[in-house]
Amino acid sequence: MEEKEVDIKVYVEQMALLVDLNLRDEYKDGVAANFERIHKIAQLVNEFNLPEDIEAAPVFEPY
């Protein structure tokens, strides 16, 4: 899959408009910084290769 570059600040502003969230200017940089962190964590998870024989459990049962 081709990776596309996303402007996180633009994304935050667009999503705030979409959900009708009045995101004040003094919070936008902090929200964007947190989304940058979330993006980096998600990349680590998505890049982890699983063997083909792994199946999702139908029910989560903690030990």
N, C-alpha and C. Protein backbone atom coordinates (compact mmCIF):
# COMPACT_ATOMS: atom_id res chain seq x y z
N MET A 1 0.84 -1.18 0.00
CA MET A 1 0.00 0.00 0.00
C MET A 1 0.88 1.24 0.00
N GLU A 2 0.54 2.16 -0.82
CA GLU A 2 1.30 3.40 -0.92
C GLU A 2 0.98 4.31 0.27
N GLU A 3 2.03 4.83 0.90
CA GLU A 3 1.83 5.71 2.05
C GLU A 3 1.71 7.15 1.57
N LYS A 4 0.68 7.83 2.04
CA LYS A 4 0.44 9.20 1.66
C LYS A 4 0.80 10.12 2.82
N GLU A 5 1.36 11.25 2.51
CA GLU A 5 1.72 12.25 3.52
C GLU A 5 0.46 13.02 3.91
N VAL A 6 0.23 13.13 5.21
CA VAL A 6 -0.95 13.83 5.72
C VAL A 6 -0.49 15.04 6.53
N ASP A 7 -1.10 16.18 6.28
CA ASP A 7 -0.83 17.36 7.08
C ASP A 7 -1.72 17.27 8.31
N ILE A 8 -1.12 16.94 9.45
CA ILE A 8 -1.88 16.68 10.67
C ILE A 8 -2.66 17.91 11.12
N LYS A 9 -2.08 19.09 11.01
CA LYS A 9 -2.78 20.30 11.44
C LYS A 9 -4.05 20.52 10.61
N VAL A 10 -3.95 20.31 9.32
CA VAL A 10 -5.12 20.43 8.45
C VAL A 10 -6.15 19.36 8.81
N TYR A 11 -5.68 18.15 9.07
CA TYR A 11 -6.58 17.06 9.46
C TYR A 11 -7.35 17.42 10.73
N VAL A 12 -6.64 17.92 11.75
CA VAL A 12 -7.27 18.29 13.01
C VAL A 12 -8.34 19.36 12.77
N GLU A 13 -8.02 20.37 11.99
CA GLU A 13 -8.98 21.43 11.71
C GLU A 13 -10.21 20.91 10.96
N GLN A 14 -9.99 20.03 9.98
CA GLN A 14 -11.10 19.47 9.21
C GLN A 14 -11.99 18.58 10.07
N MET A 15 -11.37 17.75 10.92
CA MET A 15 -12.16 16.87 11.77
C MET A 15 -12.94 17.65 12.82
N ALA A 16 -12.35 18.73 13.33
CA ALA A 16 -13.07 19.59 14.28
C ALA A 16 -14.31 20.18 13.61
N LEU A 17 -14.17 20.61 12.37
CA LEU A 17 -15.33 21.12 11.63
C LEU A 17 -16.37 20.03 11.40
N LEU A 18 -15.89 18.85 11.06
CA LEU A 18 -16.80 17.74 10.75
C LEU A 18 -17.66 17.34 11.95
N VAL A 19 -17.06 17.34 13.14
CA VAL A 19 -17.82 16.94 14.34
C VAL A 19 -18.37 18.15 15.09
N ASP A 20 -18.30 19.32 14.46
CA ASP A 20 -18.80 20.56 15.04
C ASP A 20 -18.18 20.84 16.41
N LEU A 21 -16.86 20.72 16.47
CA LEU A 21 -16.10 20.97 17.69
C LEU A 21 -15.45 22.35 17.59
N ASN A 22 -15.74 23.19 18.54
CA ASN A 22 -15.13 24.52 18.57
C ASN A 22 -13.76 24.39 19.23
N LEU A 23 -12.76 24.06 18.44
CA LEU A 23 -11.39 23.86 18.92
C LEU A 23 -10.67 25.20 18.92
N ARG A 24 -10.40 25.68 20.12
CA ARG A 24 -9.77 26.99 20.23
C ARG A 24 -8.34 26.95 19.72
N ASP A 25 -7.88 28.08 19.19
CA ASP A 25 -6.56 28.16 18.56
C ASP A 25 -5.44 27.74 19.50
N GLU A 26 -5.54 28.05 20.78
CA GLU A 26 -4.44 27.71 21.71
C GLU A 26 -4.31 26.21 21.94
N TYR A 27 -5.31 25.43 21.54
CA TYR A 27 -5.24 23.97 21.72
C TYR A 27 -4.86 23.22 20.45
N LYS A 28 -4.93 23.87 19.31
CA LYS A 28 -4.73 23.18 18.04
C LYS A 28 -3.34 22.56 17.92
N ASP A 29 -2.30 23.28 18.34
CA ASP A 29 -0.95 22.73 18.25
C ASP A 29 -0.78 21.49 19.13
N GLY A 30 -1.35 21.53 20.33
CA GLY A 30 -1.27 20.37 21.23
C GLY A 30 -2.02 19.17 20.70
N VAL A 31 -3.19 19.41 20.14
CA VAL A 31 -3.98 18.32 19.56
C VAL A 31 -3.24 17.72 18.37
N ALA A 32 -2.66 18.58 17.54
CA ALA A 32 -1.90 18.09 16.38
C ALA A 32 -0.68 17.29 16.84
N ALA A 33 0.00 17.74 17.89
CA ALA A 33 1.17 17.01 18.41
C ALA A 33 0.76 15.63 18.91
N ASN A 34 -0.39 15.52 19.57
CA ASN A 34 -0.86 14.22 20.03
C ASN A 34 -1.22 13.31 18.86
N PHE A 35 -1.80 13.87 17.81
CA PHE A 35 -2.10 13.06 16.63
C PHE A 35 -0.82 12.58 15.95
N GLU A 36 0.23 13.39 15.98
CA GLU A 36 1.54 12.96 15.44
C GLU A 36 2.03 11.74 16.22
N ARG A 37 1.91 11.78 17.55
CA ARG A 37 2.32 10.65 18.39
C ARG A 37 1.49 9.41 18.08
N ILE A 38 0.18 9.61 17.97
CA ILE A 38 -0.72 8.49 17.65
C ILE A 38 -0.33 7.88 16.31
N HIS A 39 -0.01 8.73 15.34
CA HIS A 39 0.39 8.26 14.00
C HIS A 39 1.64 7.39 14.07
N LYS A 40 2.63 7.82 14.85
CA LYS A 40 3.88 7.06 14.97
C LYS A 40 3.64 5.70 15.64
N ILE A 41 2.79 5.68 16.66
CA ILE A 41 2.47 4.42 17.33
C ILE A 41 1.73 3.50 16.38
N ALA A 42 0.77 4.04 15.64
CA ALA A 42 0.01 3.23 14.70
C ALA A 42 0.90 2.65 13.60
N GLN A 43 1.90 3.41 13.17
CA GLN A 43 2.83 2.90 12.16
C GLN A 43 3.57 1.68 12.69
N LEU A 44 4.01 1.72 13.94
CA LEU A 44 4.69 0.57 14.53
C LEU A 44 3.79 -0.66 14.53
N VAL A 45 2.55 -0.48 14.90
CA VAL A 45 1.60 -1.60 14.93
C VAL A 45 1.35 -2.12 13.52
N ASN A 46 1.11 -1.23 12.57
CA ASN A 46 0.81 -1.64 11.20
C ASN A 46 1.99 -2.29 10.50
N GLU A 47 3.21 -1.94 10.88
CA GLU A 47 4.39 -2.49 10.23
C GLU A 47 4.80 -3.86 10.78
N PHE A 48 4.19 -4.27 11.89
CA PHE A 48 4.52 -5.56 12.49
C PHE A 48 3.89 -6.67 11.68
N ASN A 49 4.73 -7.52 11.10
CA ASN A 49 4.24 -8.60 10.25
C ASN A 49 3.78 -9.78 11.08
N LEU A 50 2.59 -10.24 10.80
CA LEU A 50 2.04 -11.43 11.46
C LEU A 50 2.15 -12.61 10.50
N PRO A 51 2.38 -13.80 11.05
CA PRO A 51 2.37 -14.98 10.19
C PRO A 51 1.01 -15.18 9.55
N GLU A 52 0.98 -15.80 8.39
CA GLU A 52 -0.26 -16.00 7.65
C GLU A 52 -1.24 -16.92 8.37
N ASP A 53 -0.72 -17.81 9.25
CA ASP A 53 -1.61 -18.77 9.91
C ASP A 53 -2.26 -18.22 11.19
N ILE A 54 -2.03 -16.97 11.51
CA ILE A 54 -2.63 -16.35 12.69
C ILE A 54 -4.10 -16.04 12.39
N GLU A 55 -4.96 -16.40 13.33
CA GLU A 55 -6.39 -16.11 13.19
C GLU A 55 -6.84 -15.25 14.36
N ALA A 56 -7.77 -14.37 14.08
CA ALA A 56 -8.32 -13.53 15.14
C ALA A 56 -9.18 -14.38 16.06
N ALA A 57 -9.06 -14.16 17.35
CA ALA A 57 -9.89 -14.88 18.32
C ALA A 57 -11.32 -14.34 18.25
N PRO A 58 -12.32 -15.21 18.27
CA PRO A 58 -13.70 -14.73 18.22
C PRO A 58 -14.11 -14.00 19.52
N VAL A 59 -13.43 -14.35 20.62
CA VAL A 59 -13.74 -13.74 21.92
C VAL A 59 -12.42 -13.46 22.63
N PHE A 60 -12.30 -12.26 23.19
CA PHE A 60 -11.11 -11.92 23.97
C PHE A 60 -11.28 -12.46 25.38
N GLU A 61 -10.34 -13.28 25.83
CA GLU A 61 -10.37 -13.83 27.18
C GLU A 61 -9.04 -13.54 27.87
N PRO A 62 -9.00 -12.52 28.73
CA PRO A 62 -7.73 -12.20 29.40
C PRO A 62 -7.35 -13.33 30.36
N TYR A 63 -6.06 -13.45 30.60
CA TYR A 63 -5.58 -14.50 31.51
C TYR A 63 -5.83 -14.14 32.93
